Amino acid sequence: MRVWEGQMVVFDPYSGDTHCLDRLGTALMSRLADQGPATAERLRMHLRDFPDLAADLEAGDAPGSVLEELEKLGLVERVDR
């Protein structure tokens, strides 16, 4: 996993796929990599600390929609408790 000019590039050694994440996806993956699992609400609170992401958070269901896309790519896994 590398962060390049504000975007994260993730290589999946199992599939051989490389994913270039947008700023919002990068912020979420960085948080998860640094601090481990979190609820969507905790991630939303974390993202509020990034004023440059305000417009991304206002549009749509962030971080829920971003987490769904990351899950489709196999980069995160939902755990229901």
N, C-alpha and C. Protein backbone atom coordinates (compact mmCIF):
# COMPACT_ATOMS: atom_id res chain seq x y z
N MET A 1 0.85 -1.16 0.00
CA MET A 1 0.00 0.00 0.00
C MET A 1 0.90 1.23 0.00
N ARG A 2 0.65 2.15 -0.94
CA ARG A 2 1.42 3.39 -1.02
C ARG A 2 0.48 4.57 -1.16
N VAL A 3 0.86 5.70 -0.59
CA VAL A 3 0.11 6.94 -0.78
C VAL A 3 0.92 7.82 -1.71
N TRP A 4 0.30 8.24 -2.80
CA TRP A 4 0.98 9.02 -3.82
C TRP A 4 0.18 10.27 -4.10
N GLU A 5 0.73 11.44 -3.75
CA GLU A 5 0.08 12.73 -3.95
C GLU A 5 -1.37 12.72 -3.47
N GLY A 6 -1.59 12.26 -2.25
CA GLY A 6 -2.92 12.30 -1.67
C GLY A 6 -3.81 11.14 -2.06
N GLN A 7 -3.33 10.25 -2.91
CA GLN A 7 -4.12 9.08 -3.29
C GLN A 7 -3.35 7.83 -2.93
N MET A 8 -4.08 6.81 -2.54
CA MET A 8 -3.47 5.55 -2.17
C MET A 8 -3.55 4.58 -3.34
N VAL A 9 -2.47 3.87 -3.55
CA VAL A 9 -2.44 2.80 -4.55
C VAL A 9 -2.26 1.49 -3.78
N VAL A 10 -3.19 0.56 -3.99
CA VAL A 10 -3.18 -0.70 -3.27
C VAL A 10 -2.99 -1.84 -4.26
N PHE A 11 -2.00 -2.68 -4.01
CA PHE A 11 -1.76 -3.86 -4.84
C PHE A 11 -2.26 -5.08 -4.09
N ASP A 12 -3.10 -5.88 -4.74
CA ASP A 12 -3.62 -7.11 -4.15
C ASP A 12 -2.80 -8.28 -4.68
N PRO A 13 -1.93 -8.85 -3.84
CA PRO A 13 -1.07 -9.91 -4.32
C PRO A 13 -1.81 -11.20 -4.69
N TYR A 14 -3.02 -11.38 -4.16
CA TYR A 14 -3.79 -12.59 -4.46
C TYR A 14 -4.39 -12.55 -5.86
N SER A 15 -4.93 -11.38 -6.23
CA SER A 15 -5.56 -11.27 -7.55
C SER A 15 -4.62 -10.65 -8.59
N GLY A 16 -3.60 -9.95 -8.11
CA GLY A 16 -2.70 -9.24 -9.02
C GLY A 16 -3.24 -7.89 -9.44
N ASP A 17 -4.38 -7.49 -8.86
CA ASP A 17 -5.01 -6.21 -9.20
C ASP A 17 -4.34 -5.06 -8.46
N THR A 18 -4.31 -3.91 -9.10
CA THR A 18 -3.84 -2.68 -8.50
C THR A 18 -5.01 -1.70 -8.49
N HIS A 19 -5.25 -1.06 -7.36
CA HIS A 19 -6.36 -0.13 -7.22
C HIS A 19 -5.84 1.25 -6.84
N CYS A 20 -6.25 2.27 -7.55
CA CYS A 20 -5.92 3.65 -7.22
C CYS A 20 -7.17 4.27 -6.60
N LEU A 21 -7.10 4.61 -5.33
CA LEU A 21 -8.25 5.12 -4.60
C LEU A 21 -8.35 6.63 -4.71
N ASP A 22 -9.57 7.14 -4.65
CA ASP A 22 -9.76 8.58 -4.62
C ASP A 22 -9.43 9.10 -3.22
N ARG A 23 -9.57 10.42 -3.01
CA ARG A 23 -9.20 11.02 -1.72
C ARG A 23 -10.01 10.46 -0.56
N LEU A 24 -11.30 10.25 -0.77
CA LEU A 24 -12.15 9.75 0.29
C LEU A 24 -11.80 8.30 0.62
N GLY A 25 -11.63 7.49 -0.41
CA GLY A 25 -11.22 6.10 -0.20
C GLY A 25 -9.87 6.00 0.48
N THR A 26 -8.96 6.89 0.10
CA THR A 26 -7.63 6.94 0.72
C THR A 26 -7.73 7.28 2.19
N ALA A 27 -8.56 8.25 2.54
CA ALA A 27 -8.72 8.64 3.95
C ALA A 27 -9.29 7.49 4.77
N LEU A 28 -10.25 6.76 4.20
CA LEU A 28 -10.85 5.63 4.92
C LEU A 28 -9.84 4.50 5.09
N MET A 29 -9.14 4.14 4.02
CA MET A 29 -8.17 3.04 4.10
C MET A 29 -7.02 3.39 5.04
N SER A 30 -6.59 4.64 5.02
CA SER A 30 -5.51 5.06 5.93
C SER A 30 -5.94 4.92 7.37
N ARG A 31 -7.16 5.33 7.65
CA ARG A 31 -7.69 5.22 9.02
C ARG A 31 -7.77 3.76 9.45
N LEU A 32 -8.28 2.90 8.56
CA LEU A 32 -8.40 1.48 8.90
C LEU A 32 -7.03 0.83 9.07
N ALA A 33 -6.08 1.20 8.23
CA ALA A 33 -4.74 0.63 8.32
C ALA A 33 -4.03 1.07 9.60
N ASP A 34 -4.25 2.31 10.01
CA ASP A 34 -3.59 2.85 11.20
C ASP A 34 -4.21 2.37 12.50
N GLN A 35 -5.56 2.29 12.53
CA GLN A 35 -6.24 2.06 13.80
C GLN A 35 -7.10 0.82 13.84
N GLY A 36 -7.21 0.09 12.75
CA GLY A 36 -7.97 -1.15 12.76
C GLY A 36 -9.45 -0.95 12.49
N PRO A 37 -10.23 -2.00 12.72
CA PRO A 37 -11.67 -1.98 12.40
C PRO A 37 -12.42 -0.83 13.07
N ALA A 38 -13.49 -0.38 12.41
CA ALA A 38 -14.31 0.70 12.95
C ALA A 38 -15.70 0.61 12.36
N THR A 39 -16.65 1.18 13.06
CA THR A 39 -18.01 1.27 12.54
C THR A 39 -18.06 2.40 11.52
N ALA A 40 -19.10 2.38 10.69
CA ALA A 40 -19.28 3.45 9.70
C ALA A 40 -19.39 4.81 10.40
N GLU A 41 -20.06 4.86 11.54
CA GLU A 41 -20.21 6.13 12.26
C GLU A 41 -18.87 6.65 12.76
N ARG A 42 -18.02 5.78 13.28
CA ARG A 42 -16.69 6.21 13.73
C ARG A 42 -15.85 6.70 12.56
N LEU A 43 -15.97 6.04 11.42
CA LEU A 43 -15.25 6.49 10.23
C LEU A 43 -15.76 7.85 9.77
N ARG A 44 -17.07 8.05 9.83
CA ARG A 44 -17.65 9.34 9.46
C ARG A 44 -17.10 10.44 10.36
N MET A 45 -17.01 10.17 11.67
CA MET A 45 -16.47 11.15 12.61
C MET A 45 -15.01 11.45 12.28
N HIS A 46 -14.24 10.43 11.92
CA HIS A 46 -12.83 10.61 11.55
C HIS A 46 -12.71 11.50 10.32
N LEU A 47 -13.57 11.29 9.34
CA LEU A 47 -13.49 12.04 8.09
C LEU A 47 -13.83 13.51 8.27
N ARG A 48 -14.56 13.85 9.31
CA ARG A 48 -14.89 15.25 9.58
C ARG A 48 -13.65 16.08 9.90
N ASP A 49 -12.56 15.41 10.25
CA ASP A 49 -11.31 16.11 10.55
C ASP A 49 -10.58 16.59 9.29
N PHE A 50 -11.12 16.25 8.10
CA PHE A 50 -10.49 16.62 6.84
C PHE A 50 -11.38 17.61 6.09
N PRO A 51 -11.15 18.92 6.28
CA PRO A 51 -12.02 19.92 5.65
C PRO A 51 -12.06 19.81 4.12
N ASP A 52 -10.98 19.33 3.50
CA ASP A 52 -10.96 19.23 2.04
C ASP A 52 -11.87 18.12 1.53
N LEU A 53 -12.38 17.28 2.43
CA LEU A 53 -13.30 16.21 2.02
C LEU A 53 -14.76 16.57 2.27
N ALA A 54 -15.02 17.79 2.74
CA ALA A 54 -16.38 18.20 3.10
C ALA A 54 -17.37 18.00 1.95
N ALA A 55 -17.00 18.39 0.75
CA ALA A 55 -17.90 18.26 -0.39
C ALA A 55 -18.17 16.78 -0.69
N ASP A 56 -17.14 15.94 -0.56
CA ASP A 56 -17.32 14.51 -0.80
C ASP A 56 -18.26 13.89 0.24
N LEU A 57 -18.20 14.38 1.47
CA LEU A 57 -19.05 13.85 2.53
C LEU A 57 -20.50 14.31 2.38
N GLU A 58 -20.70 15.50 1.84
CA GLU A 58 -22.05 16.03 1.65
C GLU A 58 -22.80 15.26 0.57
N ALA A 59 -22.08 14.82 -0.45
CA ALA A 59 -22.71 14.12 -1.57
C ALA A 59 -22.78 12.63 -1.29
N GLY A 60 -23.97 12.08 -1.35
CA GLY A 60 -24.12 10.63 -1.23
C GLY A 60 -24.04 10.12 0.19
N ASP A 61 -23.88 8.83 0.28
CA ASP A 61 -23.86 8.12 1.56
C ASP A 61 -22.43 7.77 1.96
N ALA A 62 -21.63 8.77 2.23
CA ALA A 62 -20.25 8.50 2.64
C ALA A 62 -20.23 8.35 4.16
N PRO A 63 -19.51 7.44 4.73
CA PRO A 63 -18.59 6.53 4.07
C PRO A 63 -19.22 5.23 3.59
N GLY A 64 -20.51 5.03 3.83
CA GLY A 64 -21.16 3.77 3.48
C GLY A 64 -20.95 3.33 2.05
N SER A 65 -21.19 4.23 1.11
CA SER A 65 -21.04 3.87 -0.30
C SER A 65 -19.59 3.57 -0.65
N VAL A 66 -18.66 4.30 -0.04
CA VAL A 66 -17.23 4.07 -0.30
C VAL A 66 -16.83 2.71 0.27
N LEU A 67 -17.31 2.39 1.46
CA LEU A 67 -17.00 1.09 2.06
C LEU A 67 -17.55 -0.05 1.21
N GLU A 68 -18.74 0.14 0.63
CA GLU A 68 -19.32 -0.89 -0.24
C GLU A 68 -18.43 -1.12 -1.46
N GLU A 69 -17.93 -0.04 -2.05
CA GLU A 69 -17.05 -0.18 -3.21
C GLU A 69 -15.73 -0.85 -2.83
N LEU A 70 -15.18 -0.48 -1.67
CA LEU A 70 -13.95 -1.11 -1.22
C LEU A 70 -14.17 -2.60 -0.93
N GLU A 71 -15.36 -2.93 -0.44
CA GLU A 71 -15.68 -4.33 -0.19
C GLU A 71 -15.78 -5.11 -1.50
N LYS A 72 -16.38 -4.51 -2.53
CA LYS A 72 -16.47 -5.16 -3.85
C LYS A 72 -15.09 -5.46 -4.41
N LEU A 73 -14.12 -4.58 -4.12
CA LEU A 73 -12.75 -4.76 -4.59
C LEU A 73 -11.97 -5.74 -3.72
N GLY A 74 -12.56 -6.14 -2.61
CA GLY A 74 -11.87 -7.06 -1.71
C GLY A 74 -10.87 -6.39 -0.79
N LEU A 75 -10.99 -5.07 -0.63
CA LEU A 75 -10.02 -4.34 0.18
C LEU A 75 -10.46 -4.21 1.64
N VAL A 76 -11.76 -4.33 1.91
CA VAL A 76 -12.27 -4.34 3.27
C VAL A 76 -13.30 -5.46 3.37
N GLU A 77 -13.58 -5.84 4.60
CA GLU A 77 -14.57 -6.90 4.83
C GLU A 77 -15.53 -6.43 5.91
N ARG A 78 -16.82 -6.54 5.61
CA ARG A 78 -17.84 -6.15 6.58
C ARG A 78 -17.99 -7.25 7.63
N VAL A 79 -18.07 -6.84 8.89
CA VAL A 79 -18.28 -7.78 9.97
C VAL A 79 -19.54 -7.34 10.70
N ASP A 80 -20.55 -8.20 10.67
CA ASP A 80 -21.80 -7.89 11.38
C ASP A 80 -21.76 -8.57 12.73
N ARG A 81 -22.07 -7.78 13.75
CA ARG A 81 -22.06 -8.33 15.13
C ARG A 81 -23.40 -8.19 15.74
